[in-house]
């Protein structure tokens, strides 16, 4: 159960980092 929770938290964290990276790309290229 704890391992499953850890996997979900890791997946969510990676997904958020990926979304932020993609979202910041156009912003950086416009500078």
N, C-alpha and C. Protein backbone atom coordinates (compact mmCIF):
# COMPACT_ATOMS: atom_id res chain seq x y z
N UNK A 1 0.85 -1.20 0.00
CA UNK A 1 0.00 0.00 0.00
C UNK A 1 0.88 1.25 0.00
N UNK A 2 1.88 1.27 0.87
CA UNK A 2 2.77 2.43 0.95
C UNK A 2 3.56 2.60 -0.35
N UNK A 3 3.95 1.47 -0.93
CA UNK A 3 4.70 1.52 -2.18
C UNK A 3 3.83 2.08 -3.30
N UNK A 4 2.57 1.67 -3.32
CA UNK A 4 1.65 2.17 -4.33
C UNK A 4 1.47 3.68 -4.20
N UNK A 5 1.36 4.16 -2.97
CA UNK A 5 1.21 5.59 -2.72
C UNK A 5 2.46 6.34 -3.20
N UNK A 6 3.61 5.75 -2.95
CA UNK A 6 4.87 6.37 -3.37
C UNK A 6 4.94 6.46 -4.88
N UNK A 7 4.52 5.39 -5.56
CA UNK A 7 4.52 5.38 -7.02
C UNK A 7 3.61 6.46 -7.57
N UNK A 8 2.43 6.59 -6.99
CA UNK A 8 1.47 7.60 -7.45
C UNK A 8 2.03 9.01 -7.22
N UNK A 9 2.63 9.23 -6.06
CA UNK A 9 3.20 10.55 -5.77
C UNK A 9 4.34 10.88 -6.72
N UNK A 10 5.17 9.89 -7.03
CA UNK A 10 6.28 10.11 -7.96
C UNK A 10 5.74 10.43 -9.35
N UNK A 11 4.72 9.71 -9.77
CA UNK A 11 4.13 9.92 -11.09
C UNK A 11 3.52 11.32 -11.19
N UNK A 12 2.83 11.74 -10.15
CA UNK A 12 2.22 13.07 -10.13
C UNK A 12 3.30 14.16 -10.18
N UNK A 13 4.36 13.97 -9.40
CA UNK A 13 5.44 14.96 -9.36
C UNK A 13 6.12 15.07 -10.72
N UNK A 14 6.39 13.94 -11.36
CA UNK A 14 7.03 13.95 -12.69
C UNK A 14 6.09 14.60 -13.72
N UNK A 15 4.81 14.28 -13.64
CA UNK A 15 3.84 14.86 -14.58
C UNK A 15 3.78 16.39 -14.42
N UNK A 16 3.77 16.86 -13.17
CA UNK A 16 3.73 18.30 -12.93
C UNK A 16 4.99 18.98 -13.47
N UNK A 17 6.16 18.36 -13.24
CA UNK A 17 7.40 18.93 -13.73
C UNK A 17 7.39 18.99 -15.25
N UNK A 18 6.86 17.95 -15.89
CA UNK A 18 6.80 17.89 -17.35
C UNK A 18 5.88 18.98 -17.90
N UNK A 19 4.73 19.13 -17.27
CA UNK A 19 3.77 20.16 -17.71
C UNK A 19 4.37 21.55 -17.54
N UNK A 20 5.03 21.79 -16.41
CA UNK A 20 5.65 23.10 -16.18
C UNK A 20 6.75 23.36 -17.20
N UNK A 21 7.52 22.33 -17.53
CA UNK A 21 8.59 22.46 -18.51
C UNK A 21 8.03 22.83 -19.88
N UNK A 22 6.99 22.14 -20.31
CA UNK A 22 6.37 22.41 -21.60
C UNK A 22 5.74 23.81 -21.61
N UNK A 23 5.10 24.18 -20.49
CA UNK A 23 4.43 25.47 -20.42
C UNK A 23 5.44 26.61 -20.43
N UNK A 24 6.63 26.40 -19.89
CA UNK A 24 7.62 27.47 -19.80
C UNK A 24 8.44 27.60 -21.08
N UNK A 25 8.33 26.62 -21.99
CA UNK A 25 9.13 26.67 -23.21
C UNK A 25 8.77 27.86 -24.11
N UNK A 26 7.50 28.07 -24.45
CA UNK A 26 7.15 29.23 -25.28
C UNK A 26 7.51 30.55 -24.60
N UNK A 27 7.36 30.58 -23.27
CA UNK A 27 7.67 31.80 -22.52
C UNK A 27 9.15 32.14 -22.65
N UNK A 28 10.01 31.13 -22.53
CA UNK A 28 11.45 31.37 -22.62
C UNK A 28 11.86 31.75 -24.03
N UNK A 29 11.24 31.13 -25.03
CA UNK A 29 11.63 31.41 -26.42
C UNK A 29 11.16 32.80 -26.85
N UNK A 30 10.17 33.36 -26.16
CA UNK A 30 9.67 34.69 -26.52
C UNK A 30 10.52 35.79 -25.91
N UNK A 31 11.40 35.44 -24.98
CA UNK A 31 12.25 36.46 -24.34
C UNK A 31 13.37 36.89 -25.28
